[in-house]
Amino acid sequence: MKERIREIAGELIKTAAERALRPGAVAEPDTGYAAFVDRFPYERPKTRTARFPT
């Protein structure tokens, strides 16, 4: 059992080292959701605005 755990740990360390050496892609922020939400007008109820001002 201990030997298998050592094997798995070694594989995980090797995988982590390989990932650290690979360049990563930078993702652009998603603006689609904000544009989608802006298409739906919303007025806050007076009871909500009194408790949670914006």
C-alpha atoms as a PDB file:
ATOM      1  CA  MET A   1       0.000   0.000   0.000  1.00  0.00           C
ATOM      2  CA  LYS A   2       2.768   2.442   0.929  1.00  0.00           C
ATOM      3  CA  GLU A   3       4.542   1.725  -2.344  1.00  0.00           C
ATOM      4  CA  ARG A   4       1.415   2.536  -4.350  1.00  0.00           C
ATOM      5  CA  ILE A   5       0.982   5.806  -2.436  1.00  0.00           C
ATOM      6  CA  ARG A   6       4.583   6.717  -3.257  1.00  0.00           C
ATOM      7  CA  GLU A   7       3.968   5.925  -6.934  1.00  0.00           C
ATOM      8  CA  ILE A   8       0.881   8.122  -7.023  1.00  0.00           C
ATOM      9  CA  ALA A   9       2.707  10.937  -5.196  1.00  0.00           C
ATOM     10  CA  GLY A  10       5.545  10.722  -7.701  1.00  0.00           C
ATOM     11  CA  GLU A  11       3.113  10.916 -10.612  1.00  0.00           C
ATOM     12  CA  LEU A  12       1.405  13.940  -9.070  1.00  0.00           C
ATOM     13  CA  ILE A  13       4.722  15.717  -8.512  1.00  0.00           C
ATOM     14  CA  LYS A  14       5.777  14.976 -12.089  1.00  0.00           C
ATOM     15  CA  THR A  15       2.461  16.277 -13.447  1.00  0.00           C
ATOM     16  CA  ALA A  16       2.706  19.444 -11.353  1.00  0.00           C
ATOM     17  CA  ALA A  17       6.252  20.088 -12.588  1.00  0.00           C
ATOM     18  CA  GLU A  18       5.195  19.624 -16.224  1.00  0.00           C
ATOM     19  CA  ARG A  19       2.285  22.020 -15.789  1.00  0.00           C
ATOM     20  CA  ALA A  20       4.515  24.624 -14.140  1.00  0.00           C
ATOM     21  CA  LEU A  21       6.823  24.615 -17.174  1.00  0.00           C
ATOM     22  CA  ARG A  22       4.055  24.986 -19.762  1.00  0.00           C
ATOM     23  CA  PRO A  23       2.978  28.494 -20.759  1.00  0.00           C
ATOM     24  CA  GLY A  24      -0.660  29.195 -20.024  1.00  0.00           C
ATOM     25  CA  ALA A  25      -3.284  31.004 -22.037  1.00  0.00           C
ATOM     26  CA  VAL A  26      -4.744  34.194 -20.615  1.00  0.00           C
ATOM     27  CA  ALA A  27      -8.527  34.318 -20.801  1.00  0.00           C
ATOM     28  CA  GLU A  28     -10.235  37.590 -21.632  1.00  0.00           C
ATOM     29  CA  PRO A  29     -12.951  38.788 -19.245  1.00  0.00           C
ATOM     30  CA  ASP A  30     -16.477  37.823 -20.262  1.00  0.00           C
ATOM     31  CA  THR A  31     -18.604  40.897 -20.961  1.00  0.00           C
ATOM     32  CA  GLY A  32     -21.470  39.024 -22.581  1.00  0.00           C
ATOM     33  CA  TYR A  33     -23.383  38.460 -19.345  1.00  0.00           C
ATOM     34  CA  ALA A  34     -23.431  42.156 -18.398  1.00  0.00           C
ATOM     35  CA  ALA A  35     -24.676  43.062 -21.880  1.00  0.00           C
ATOM     36  CA  PHE A  36     -27.380  40.395 -21.591  1.00  0.00           C
ATOM     37  CA  VAL A  37     -28.575  41.624 -18.173  1.00  0.00           C
ATOM     38  CA  ASP A  38     -28.678  45.234 -19.364  1.00  0.00           C
ATOM     39  CA  ARG A  39     -31.391  44.272 -21.859  1.00  0.00           C
ATOM     40  CA  PHE A  40     -33.877  43.652 -19.011  1.00  0.00           C
ATOM     41  CA  PRO A  41     -34.968  46.786 -17.125  1.00  0.00           C
ATOM     42  CA  TYR A  42     -35.394  46.296 -13.394  1.00  0.00           C
ATOM     43  CA  GLU A  43     -36.720  48.660 -10.778  1.00  0.00           C
ATOM     44  CA  ARG A  44     -35.986  47.772  -7.214  1.00  0.00           C
ATOM     45  CA  PRO A  45     -39.027  47.630  -4.918  1.00  0.00           C
ATOM     46  CA  LYS A  46     -39.177  50.468  -2.397  1.00  0.00           C
ATOM     47  CA  THR A  47     -38.860  48.020   0.480  1.00  0.00           C
ATOM     48  CA  ARG A  48     -35.565  46.747  -0.964  1.00  0.00           C
ATOM     49  CA  THR A  49     -34.155  50.190  -1.702  1.00  0.00           C
ATOM     50  CA  ALA A  50     -34.794  51.356   1.849  1.00  0.00           C
ATOM     51  CA  ARG A  51     -32.872  48.424   3.309  1.00  0.00           C
ATOM     52  CA  PHE A  52     -30.165  48.088   0.675  1.00  0.00           C
ATOM     53  CA  PRO A  53     -29.386  51.451  -0.935  1.00  0.00           C
ATOM     54  CA  THR A  54     -27.410  51.421  -4.165  1.00  0.00           C
END
